[in-house]
N, C-alpha and C. Protein backbone atom coordinates (compact mmCIF):
# COMPACT_ATOMS: atom_id res chain seq x y z
N UNK A 1 -3.84 -15.35 9.10
CA UNK A 1 -5.42 -14.59 9.06
C UNK A 1 -5.98 -13.88 9.92
N UNK A 2 -7.12 -13.46 9.37
CA UNK A 2 -8.14 -12.99 10.06
C UNK A 2 -9.56 -13.39 10.28
N UNK A 3 -9.69 -13.28 11.70
CA UNK A 3 -11.24 -13.80 11.80
C UNK A 3 -12.02 -13.51 11.99
N UNK A 4 -11.70 -11.91 12.25
CA UNK A 4 -12.79 -10.64 12.16
C UNK A 4 -12.28 -9.39 11.10
N UNK A 5 -13.05 -8.83 10.88
CA UNK A 5 -13.02 -7.76 10.21
C UNK A 5 -12.45 -6.60 10.61
N UNK A 6 -13.15 -6.36 12.06
CA UNK A 6 -12.01 -5.49 13.11
C UNK A 6 -10.74 -5.81 12.90
N UNK A 7 -10.27 -7.53 13.42
CA UNK A 7 -9.10 -7.55 13.48
C UNK A 7 -7.96 -7.02 12.09
N UNK A 8 -8.62 -6.85 11.46
CA UNK A 8 -8.03 -6.57 9.94
C UNK A 8 -7.72 -4.91 9.90
N UNK A 9 -8.90 -4.77 10.17
CA UNK A 9 -9.02 -3.26 10.28
C UNK A 9 -8.08 -2.42 10.77
N UNK A 10 -7.71 -3.29 12.25
CA UNK A 10 -6.56 -2.66 13.11
C UNK A 10 -5.58 -2.89 12.38
N UNK A 11 -4.98 -3.80 11.84
CA UNK A 11 -3.69 -3.98 11.25
C UNK A 11 -3.64 -3.20 9.70
N UNK A 12 -4.47 -3.09 8.92
CA UNK A 12 -4.90 -2.38 8.31
C UNK A 12 -4.56 -0.27 8.54
N UNK A 13 -4.71 -0.27 9.62
CA UNK A 13 -4.62 1.08 9.85
C UNK A 13 -3.46 1.40 10.23
N UNK A 14 -2.67 0.33 10.80
CA UNK A 14 -1.42 0.67 10.71
C UNK A 14 -0.17 0.62 9.90
N UNK A 15 -0.56 -0.29 8.96
CA UNK A 15 -0.04 -0.60 7.29
C UNK A 15 -0.07 0.40 6.60
N UNK A 16 -1.57 0.90 6.58
CA UNK A 16 -1.68 2.46 5.17
C UNK A 16 -1.21 3.55 5.97
N UNK A 17 -1.20 3.49 7.06
CA UNK A 17 -0.68 4.61 7.57
C UNK A 17 0.77 4.89 7.64
N UNK A 18 1.81 3.42 7.64
CA UNK A 18 3.09 3.69 7.48
C UNK A 18 3.05 3.90 5.76
N UNK A 19 2.46 3.35 4.99
CA UNK A 19 2.42 3.61 3.44
C UNK A 19 2.26 4.67 3.32
N UNK A 20 1.18 5.73 3.50
CA UNK A 20 0.80 6.51 3.37
C UNK A 20 2.26 8.13 3.77
N UNK A 21 2.63 7.55 5.19
CA UNK A 21 4.09 8.30 5.12
C UNK A 21 4.87 8.07 4.53
N UNK A 22 5.38 7.15 3.57
CA UNK A 22 6.14 6.69 2.85
C UNK A 22 5.51 7.93 1.17
N UNK A 23 4.37 7.18 0.94
CA UNK A 23 3.84 7.93 -0.48
C UNK A 23 3.63 9.58 -0.40
N UNK A 24 3.33 10.04 1.06
CA UNK A 24 3.77 11.29 1.45
C UNK A 24 4.77 12.30 1.29
N UNK A 25 6.29 11.41 1.13
CA UNK A 25 7.62 11.78 1.37
C UNK A 25 8.21 11.66 -0.02
N UNK A 26 6.89 11.43 -0.93
CA UNK A 26 7.87 11.48 -2.47
C UNK A 26 7.50 12.85 -3.08
N UNK A 27 8.43 13.27 -3.99
CA UNK A 27 8.26 14.21 -4.67
C UNK A 27 8.02 13.90 -6.11
N UNK A 28 7.56 14.80 -7.15
CA UNK A 28 7.38 14.89 -8.81
C UNK A 28 8.80 14.17 -9.06
N UNK A 29 9.65 14.39 -8.85
CA UNK A 29 10.87 14.25 -9.58
C UNK A 29 11.43 13.08 -9.43
N UNK A 30 11.10 12.75 -7.58
CA UNK A 30 11.47 11.17 -7.56
C UNK A 30 11.01 10.21 -8.33
N UNK A 31 9.66 10.39 -8.68
CA UNK A 31 8.93 9.48 -9.54
C UNK A 31 9.43 8.74 -10.75
N UNK A 32 9.98 9.32 -11.13
CA UNK A 32 11.07 8.96 -12.48
C UNK A 32 12.26 7.84 -11.86
N UNK A 33 12.11 8.11 -10.33
CA UNK A 33 13.61 7.09 -10.23
C UNK A 33 13.59 5.64 -10.64
N UNK A 34 14.37 4.86 -11.04
CA UNK A 34 14.05 3.47 -11.44
C UNK A 34 15.56 3.24 -11.51
N UNK A 35 15.52 1.13 -10.77
CA UNK A 35 17.06 0.79 -10.88
C UNK A 35 17.57 0.55 -11.73
N UNK A 36 16.72 0.10 -13.21
CA UNK A 36 17.52 0.14 -14.38
C UNK A 36 16.16 0.46 -15.20
N UNK A 37 16.18 0.85 -16.73
CA UNK A 37 15.51 1.42 -17.47
C UNK A 37 14.02 0.17 -17.68
N UNK A 38 14.40 -0.98 -17.72
CA UNK A 38 13.77 -2.20 -17.47
C UNK A 38 12.77 -2.36 -16.23
N UNK A 39 13.12 -1.77 -15.53
CA UNK A 39 12.18 -1.74 -14.26
C UNK A 39 11.12 -0.45 -14.44
N UNK A 40 10.07 -1.09 -12.98
CA UNK A 40 9.43 0.07 -12.98
C UNK A 40 9.93 1.50 -12.19
N UNK A 41 9.54 2.23 -12.52
CA UNK A 41 9.59 3.65 -11.87
C UNK A 41 9.15 3.53 -10.32
N UNK A 42 9.92 4.68 -9.37
CA UNK A 42 9.20 4.72 -8.57
C UNK A 42 7.75 4.98 -8.21
N UNK A 43 7.43 6.09 -9.17
CA UNK A 43 6.06 6.52 -9.47
C UNK A 43 4.97 5.41 -10.10
N UNK A 44 5.66 4.29 -10.75
CA UNK A 44 4.83 3.54 -11.25
C UNK A 44 4.70 2.48 -9.91
N UNK A 45 5.69 2.06 -9.07
CA UNK A 45 5.49 1.12 -7.92
C UNK A 45 4.34 1.93 -7.17
N UNK A 46 4.63 2.81 -7.13
CA UNK A 46 3.28 3.97 -6.16
C UNK A 46 2.00 3.97 -6.44
N UNK A 47 2.09 4.20 -7.90
CA UNK A 47 0.50 4.14 -8.42
C UNK A 47 -0.05 2.50 -8.17
N UNK A 48 0.97 1.75 -8.58
CA UNK A 48 0.49 -0.06 -8.48
C UNK A 48 0.07 0.14 -6.84
N UNK A 49 0.65 0.41 -5.85
CA UNK A 49 0.04 0.09 -4.37
C UNK A 49 -1.09 0.62 -4.34
N UNK A 50 -1.49 2.11 -4.96
CA UNK A 50 -3.22 2.53 -4.70
C UNK A 50 -3.92 1.67 -5.56
N UNK A 51 -3.37 1.32 -6.97
CA UNK A 51 -4.56 1.05 -8.11
C UNK A 51 -5.09 -0.94 -7.42
N UNK A 52 -3.92 -1.66 -7.11
CA UNK A 52 -4.16 -2.41 -6.20
C UNK A 52 -4.97 -3.08 -5.22
N UNK A 53 -5.04 -2.08 -4.69
CA UNK A 53 -6.32 -2.31 -3.96
C UNK A 53 -7.65 -2.55 -4.30
N UNK A 54 -8.08 -1.86 -4.84
CA UNK A 54 -9.61 -1.99 -6.02
C UNK A 54 -9.30 -3.65 -6.54
N UNK A 55 -8.17 -3.98 -7.20
CA UNK A 55 -8.24 -4.97 -8.23
C UNK A 55 -8.11 -5.69 -7.45
N UNK A 56 -7.35 -6.44 -6.26
CA UNK A 56 -7.01 -7.57 -5.60
C UNK A 56 -8.82 -7.48 -4.41
N UNK A 57 -9.23 -6.28 -3.78
CA UNK A 57 -10.40 -6.36 -3.15
C UNK A 57 -11.74 -6.67 -4.25
N UNK A 58 -11.92 -5.81 -4.91
CA UNK A 58 -12.84 -6.46 -6.19
C UNK A 58 -12.66 -7.93 -6.84
N UNK A 59 -11.46 -8.36 -6.77
CA UNK A 59 -11.62 -9.65 -7.29
C UNK A 59 -11.97 -10.58 -6.30
N UNK A 60 -11.94 -9.98 -5.21
CA UNK A 60 -12.96 -10.54 -4.03
C UNK A 60 -14.40 -10.53 -3.64
N UNK A 61 -14.98 -9.40 -4.60
CA UNK A 61 -16.04 -9.29 -4.79
C UNK A 61 -16.45 -7.99 -3.83
N UNK A 62 -15.75 -7.37 -3.22
CA UNK A 62 -16.16 -6.13 -2.34
C UNK A 62 -15.95 -4.45 -3.58
N UNK A 63 -16.98 -3.68 -3.57
CA UNK A 63 -16.80 -2.89 -3.97
C UNK A 63 -16.75 -1.95 -3.60
N UNK A 64 -15.16 -0.98 -4.30
CA UNK A 64 -14.64 -0.06 -3.72
C UNK A 64 -14.64 1.25 -5.04
N UNK A 65 -15.19 2.21 -4.44
CA UNK A 65 -14.75 3.32 -5.30
C UNK A 65 -13.31 3.80 -5.08
N UNK A 66 -12.55 3.34 -6.15
CA UNK A 66 -11.14 3.56 -6.33
C UNK A 66 -10.65 3.40 -7.64
N UNK A 67 -9.25 4.04 -7.73
CA UNK A 67 -9.00 3.86 -9.04
C UNK A 67 -8.42 2.36 -8.95
N UNK A 68 -8.58 1.58 -10.53
CA UNK A 68 -8.45 0.44 -10.75
C UNK A 68 -7.14 0.01 -11.78
N UNK A 69 -6.68 -0.85 -11.93
CA UNK A 69 -5.37 -1.16 -13.04
C UNK A 69 -5.21 -0.47 -13.81
N UNK A 70 -6.53 0.09 -14.63
CA UNK A 70 -6.08 0.58 -16.08
C UNK A 70 -5.83 1.83 -15.86
N UNK A 71 -6.16 2.43 -14.05
CA UNK A 71 -6.62 4.03 -14.63
C UNK A 71 -4.80 4.94 -14.50
N UNK A 72 -5.03 5.69 -15.42
CA UNK A 72 -3.70 6.69 -15.71
C UNK A 72 -2.54 6.92 -14.38
N UNK A 73 -1.69 6.86 -14.77
CA UNK A 73 -0.56 7.14 -13.55
C UNK A 73 -0.52 8.08 -13.50
N UNK A 74 -0.86 9.13 -12.31
CA UNK A 74 -0.36 10.77 -12.15
C UNK A 74 1.24 10.85 -12.39
N UNK A 75 1.72 12.43 -12.67
CA UNK A 75 2.96 12.45 -12.42
C UNK A 75 2.97 13.33 -11.51
N UNK A 76 2.01 13.99 -10.73
CA UNK A 76 2.50 14.18 -9.37
C UNK A 76 2.47 13.37 -7.97
N UNK A 77 3.20 13.74 -7.69
CA UNK A 77 3.43 12.92 -6.24
C UNK A 77 2.28 12.96 -5.16
N UNK A 78 1.86 13.96 -5.16
CA UNK A 78 0.48 14.54 -4.16
C UNK A 78 -0.61 13.91 -4.83
N UNK A 79 -0.83 13.59 -6.04
CA UNK A 79 -1.95 12.97 -6.60
C UNK A 79 -2.32 11.53 -6.39
N UNK A 80 -1.00 11.09 -6.15
CA UNK A 80 -0.72 9.74 -6.02
C UNK A 80 -0.84 9.29 -4.54
N UNK A 81 -0.45 9.96 -3.64
CA UNK A 81 -0.51 10.09 -2.13
C UNK A 81 -2.20 10.22 -1.43
N UNK A 82 -2.82 11.26 -2.48
CA UNK A 82 -4.13 11.26 -2.20
C UNK A 82 -5.05 10.02 -2.48
N UNK A 83 -4.83 9.60 -3.44
CA UNK A 83 -5.34 8.60 -4.39
C UNK A 83 -5.57 7.32 -3.01
N UNK A 84 -4.23 7.01 -2.85
CA UNK A 84 -4.00 6.41 -1.85
C UNK A 84 -4.75 6.46 -0.57
N UNK A 85 -4.74 7.56 -0.15
CA UNK A 85 -5.79 8.34 0.85
C UNK A 85 -7.27 7.80 0.62
N UNK A 86 -7.88 8.16 -0.17
CA UNK A 86 -9.09 7.80 -0.50
C UNK A 86 -9.24 6.64 -0.79
N UNK A 87 -8.56 5.99 -1.34
CA UNK A 87 -8.52 4.55 -1.58
C UNK A 87 -8.51 3.89 -0.22
N UNK A 88 -7.85 4.12 0.61
CA UNK A 88 -8.09 3.31 1.75
C UNK A 88 -9.47 3.54 2.50
N UNK A 89 -9.48 4.94 2.27
CA UNK A 89 -10.84 5.09 3.25
C UNK A 89 -11.99 3.95 3.05
N UNK A 90 -11.94 3.94 1.47
CA UNK A 90 -13.12 3.86 0.72
C UNK A 90 -12.97 1.95 0.97
N UNK A 91 -11.51 1.47 1.06
CA UNK A 91 -11.78 0.23 1.49
C UNK A 91 -12.16 0.00 2.94
N UNK A 92 -11.72 0.66 4.02
CA UNK A 92 -12.26 0.50 5.16
C UNK A 92 -13.82 0.77 5.28
N UNK A 93 -14.31 1.75 4.86
CA UNK A 93 -15.72 2.18 4.83
C UNK A 93 -16.47 0.50 4.29
N UNK A 94 -15.91 0.01 2.40
CA UNK A 94 -16.62 -0.63 1.91
C UNK A 94 -16.31 -2.22 2.68
N UNK A 95 -15.74 -2.73 3.69
CA UNK A 95 -15.32 -3.85 4.59
C UNK A 95 -16.21 -3.83 5.49
N UNK A 96 -16.61 -2.55 6.32
CA UNK A 96 -17.26 -2.10 7.09
C UNK A 96 -18.73 -2.26 6.62
N UNK A 97 -19.27 -2.05 5.56
CA UNK A 97 -20.77 -1.72 5.30
C UNK A 97 -21.40 -3.41 4.54
N UNK A 98 -20.15 -3.82 3.60
CA UNK A 98 -20.39 -5.17 2.74
C UNK A 98 -20.06 -6.41 3.35
N UNK A 99 -19.32 -6.50 4.44
CA UNK A 99 -18.54 -7.68 4.80
C UNK A 99 -18.97 -7.95 5.93
N UNK A 100 -19.00 -8.75 6.23
CA UNK A 100 -19.64 -9.51 8.02
C UNK A 100 -17.84 -10.55 8.23
N UNK A 101 -17.76 -10.39 9.40
CA UNK A 101 -16.99 -11.61 9.86
C UNK A 101 -17.13 -13.12 9.09
N UNK A 102 -18.63 -13.26 8.81
CA UNK A 102 -18.58 -14.35 7.83
C UNK A 102 -18.08 -14.30 6.77
N UNK A 103 -18.16 -13.13 6.23
CA UNK A 103 -17.58 -13.32 4.44
C UNK A 103 -16.04 -13.30 4.48
N UNK A 104 -15.73 -13.85 5.86
CA UNK A 104 -13.67 -13.78 5.77
C UNK A 104 -13.79 -15.28 5.43
N UNK A 105 -14.43 -15.97 5.69
CA UNK A 105 -14.49 -17.42 5.57
C UNK A 105 -14.78 -17.70 3.78
N UNK A 106 -15.58 -17.03 3.06
CA UNK A 106 -16.07 -17.13 1.89
C UNK A 106 -14.55 -17.06 0.59
N UNK A 107 -15.11 -18.46 0.01
CA UNK A 107 -13.88 -18.38 -1.18
C UNK A 107 -13.94 -17.49 -2.29
N UNK A 108 -12.68 -16.87 -2.70
CA UNK A 108 -13.12 -15.87 -3.99
C UNK A 108 -12.21 -16.37 -4.97
N UNK A 109 -12.50 -16.43 -6.14
CA UNK A 109 -11.43 -16.78 -7.07
C UNK A 109 -10.59 -15.58 -7.25
N UNK A 110 -8.44 -16.23 -6.83
CA UNK A 110 -7.82 -15.10 -6.59
C UNK A 110 -6.82 -15.30 -7.55
N UNK A 111 -6.46 -14.90 -8.57
CA UNK A 111 -5.49 -15.29 -10.32
C UNK A 111 -5.44 -16.93 -10.32
N UNK A 112 -6.94 -17.45 -10.34
CA UNK A 112 -7.15 -18.82 -10.44
C UNK A 112 -7.04 -19.66 -9.60
N UNK A 113 -7.22 -19.18 -8.49
CA UNK A 113 -7.29 -19.90 -7.13
C UNK A 113 -8.27 -19.86 -6.21
N UNK A 114 -9.04 -20.79 -5.89
CA UNK A 114 -10.05 -19.95 -4.86
C UNK A 114 -9.59 -20.22 -3.46
N UNK A 115 -9.40 -18.97 -2.89
CA UNK A 115 -8.49 -18.45 -1.54
C UNK A 115 -9.89 -17.84 -0.56
N UNK A 116 -9.81 -18.52 0.56
CA UNK A 116 -10.78 -17.88 1.39
C UNK A 116 -10.32 -16.41 1.53
N UNK A 117 -11.44 -15.37 1.70
CA UNK A 117 -11.64 -14.01 1.55
C UNK A 117 -10.41 -13.36 3.22
N UNK A 118 -10.37 -14.10 3.48
CA UNK A 118 -8.94 -13.97 4.79
C UNK A 118 -8.16 -13.84 4.53
N UNK A 119 -7.35 -14.98 3.55
CA UNK A 119 -6.34 -15.40 2.78
C UNK A 119 -5.55 -13.93 2.14
N UNK A 120 -7.05 -13.54 1.13
CA UNK A 120 -7.14 -12.46 0.67
C UNK A 120 -6.44 -10.89 1.39
N UNK A 121 -7.13 -10.81 2.50
CA UNK A 121 -6.98 -9.78 3.10
C UNK A 121 -5.18 -9.87 3.52
N UNK A 122 -4.85 -10.85 3.99
CA UNK A 122 -3.53 -11.28 4.12
C UNK A 122 -2.60 -10.77 3.17
N UNK A 123 -2.93 -11.05 1.58
CA UNK A 123 -2.19 -11.08 0.60
C UNK A 123 -2.10 -9.40 0.08
N UNK A 124 -3.36 -8.67 0.32
CA UNK A 124 -3.67 -7.30 0.23
C UNK A 124 -2.54 -6.96 1.07
N UNK A 125 -2.32 -6.85 2.35
CA UNK A 125 -1.47 -6.28 2.75
C UNK A 125 0.27 -6.84 2.60
N UNK A 126 0.33 -8.13 2.63
CA UNK A 126 1.28 -8.30 1.92
C UNK A 126 2.22 -8.29 0.90
N UNK A 127 1.59 -8.06 -0.11
CA UNK A 127 1.89 -6.91 -1.71
C UNK A 127 2.18 -5.38 -1.07
N UNK A 128 1.29 -4.93 -0.91
CA UNK A 128 1.52 -3.46 -0.12
C UNK A 128 3.23 -3.58 0.27
N UNK A 129 3.11 -4.25 1.33
CA UNK A 129 4.71 -4.18 2.49
C UNK A 129 5.47 -4.28 1.27
N UNK A 130 5.90 -5.42 0.44
CA UNK A 130 6.57 -5.95 -0.46
C UNK A 130 6.93 -4.71 -1.08
N UNK A 131 5.97 -3.79 -1.92
CA UNK A 131 6.02 -2.82 -2.83
C UNK A 131 6.72 -1.39 -2.05
N UNK A 132 5.99 -1.42 -0.94
CA UNK A 132 6.64 -0.32 0.24
C UNK A 132 8.12 -0.65 0.63
N UNK A 133 9.05 -1.79 0.51
CA UNK A 133 10.26 -2.02 0.63
C UNK A 133 11.05 -1.54 -0.58
N UNK A 134 10.34 -2.04 -1.73
CA UNK A 134 10.84 -1.30 -2.61
C UNK A 134 11.25 -0.01 -2.94
N UNK A 135 10.12 0.71 -2.62
CA UNK A 135 9.62 2.16 -2.75
C UNK A 135 10.91 3.01 -2.04
N UNK A 136 11.15 2.36 -0.89
CA UNK A 136 12.51 2.94 0.26
C UNK A 136 13.88 2.70 -0.46
N UNK A 137 13.78 1.85 -0.77
CA UNK A 137 15.19 1.93 -1.37
C UNK A 137 15.36 2.94 -2.70
N UNK A 138 14.38 3.02 -3.50
CA UNK A 138 14.24 3.91 -4.58
C UNK A 138 14.37 5.09 -4.22
N UNK A 139 13.51 5.27 -3.31
CA UNK A 139 13.29 7.33 -2.22
C UNK A 139 14.99 6.96 -1.84
N UNK A 140 15.91 6.12 -1.55
CA UNK A 140 17.05 6.36 -0.59
C UNK A 140 18.40 6.71 -2.37
N UNK A 141 17.76 5.95 -3.50
CA UNK A 141 18.45 6.46 -4.22
C UNK A 141 18.55 7.93 -4.94
N UNK A 142 16.75 8.19 -4.85
CA UNK A 142 16.27 9.33 -5.21
C UNK A 142 16.87 10.93 -4.54
N UNK A 143 17.73 10.60 -3.49
CA UNK A 143 18.03 11.21 -2.02
C UNK A 143 17.19 11.80 -1.13
N UNK A 144 15.68 11.14 -1.32
CA UNK A 144 14.46 11.63 -0.23
C UNK A 144 15.13 10.62 1.32
N UNK A 145 14.53 11.46 2.19
CA UNK A 145 14.64 10.92 3.17
C UNK A 145 13.56 9.85 3.51
N UNK A 146 13.89 8.62 4.48
CA UNK A 146 12.58 7.86 3.90
C UNK A 146 12.15 7.77 6.05
N UNK A 147 10.93 7.97 5.62
CA UNK A 147 9.87 7.38 6.74
C UNK A 147 10.33 6.18 7.18
N UNK A 148 10.37 6.31 8.98
CA UNK A 148 10.33 4.88 9.46
C UNK A 148 8.93 4.06 9.29
N UNK A 149 9.18 3.02 9.63
CA UNK A 149 7.83 2.15 9.17
C UNK A 149 7.83 1.00 10.75
N UNK A 150 8.80 0.32 10.85
CA UNK A 150 8.46 -0.89 12.08
C UNK A 150 9.75 0.20 12.73
N UNK A 151 10.10 1.02 12.96
CA UNK A 151 11.55 1.64 13.67
C UNK A 151 11.55 2.86 13.32
N UNK A 152 12.80 3.73 13.91
CA UNK A 152 13.18 4.91 13.37
C UNK A 152 14.19 4.62 12.01
N UNK A 153 13.89 5.48 11.25
CA UNK A 153 14.73 5.32 9.74
C UNK A 153 16.26 5.85 10.53
N UNK A 154 17.47 6.16 9.34
CA UNK A 154 18.27 6.89 9.62
C UNK A 154 18.14 8.30 9.82
N UNK A 155 17.41 8.76 8.96
CA UNK A 155 17.18 10.32 9.47
C UNK A 155 16.88 10.83 10.70
N UNK A 156 15.49 9.34 11.01
CA UNK A 156 15.24 9.68 12.39
C UNK A 156 16.09 9.25 13.62
N UNK A 157 16.72 8.72 13.36
CA UNK A 157 17.67 7.81 14.75
C UNK A 157 18.27 9.61 14.96
N UNK A 158 18.91 9.97 13.51
CA UNK A 158 19.84 11.21 13.40
C UNK A 158 19.25 12.71 14.12
N UNK A 159 17.80 12.82 14.32
CA UNK A 159 17.38 13.36 14.94
C UNK A 159 16.76 13.40 15.95
N UNK A 160 17.02 12.34 16.72
CA UNK A 160 16.95 12.27 18.23
C UNK A 160 18.62 11.91 18.81
N UNK A 161 19.28 12.38 17.96
CA UNK A 161 20.41 12.39 18.90
C UNK A 161 21.43 11.07 18.66
N UNK A 162 20.53 9.79 18.16
CA UNK A 162 21.54 8.94 18.43
C UNK A 162 22.27 8.12 17.12
N UNK A 163 23.40 7.65 16.89
CA UNK A 163 23.55 6.93 15.70
C UNK A 163 23.11 5.97 15.52
N UNK A 164 22.61 6.09 13.77
CA UNK A 164 21.92 4.58 13.12
C UNK A 164 22.84 3.83 13.49
N UNK A 165 21.99 2.53 13.14
CA UNK A 165 22.41 1.31 13.17
C UNK A 165 22.65 0.95 11.66
N UNK A 166 23.74 0.28 11.60
CA UNK A 166 24.19 -0.34 10.39
C UNK A 166 24.45 -1.43 9.87
């Protein structure tokens, strides 16, 4: 859990940067990739990552200028990536201007439960990372190169002249 806004922002900058690299690597055609017809497509999951920031943080009382859960899903990968970039910037500015470190201890109603805002911030990161993992699998299925997140990807190992781990 986060004790300071700055502590969260440092983590968010790293995690959002990794998510941005993933979203920037998507193509319009890849957005249609799914595991089965009953499951979400890569594009739907990518857009969910974008819109869930406003949904989750709005539930905690933070006012963010960003697309929410009812925003129509773009069919262009670049629009999703740019929306994420703007939403991330809006989140960071909203936290800096609307919350203080004391706000992190305030409880908000999240999915019918009272949670401290610092737990909600952790939920936001964990939620994003969960879906980011789903994106990387669907990217592989769509034939895209996957950017590394916590270390080099297979393609990045190869570019360094090293044998990727299996």
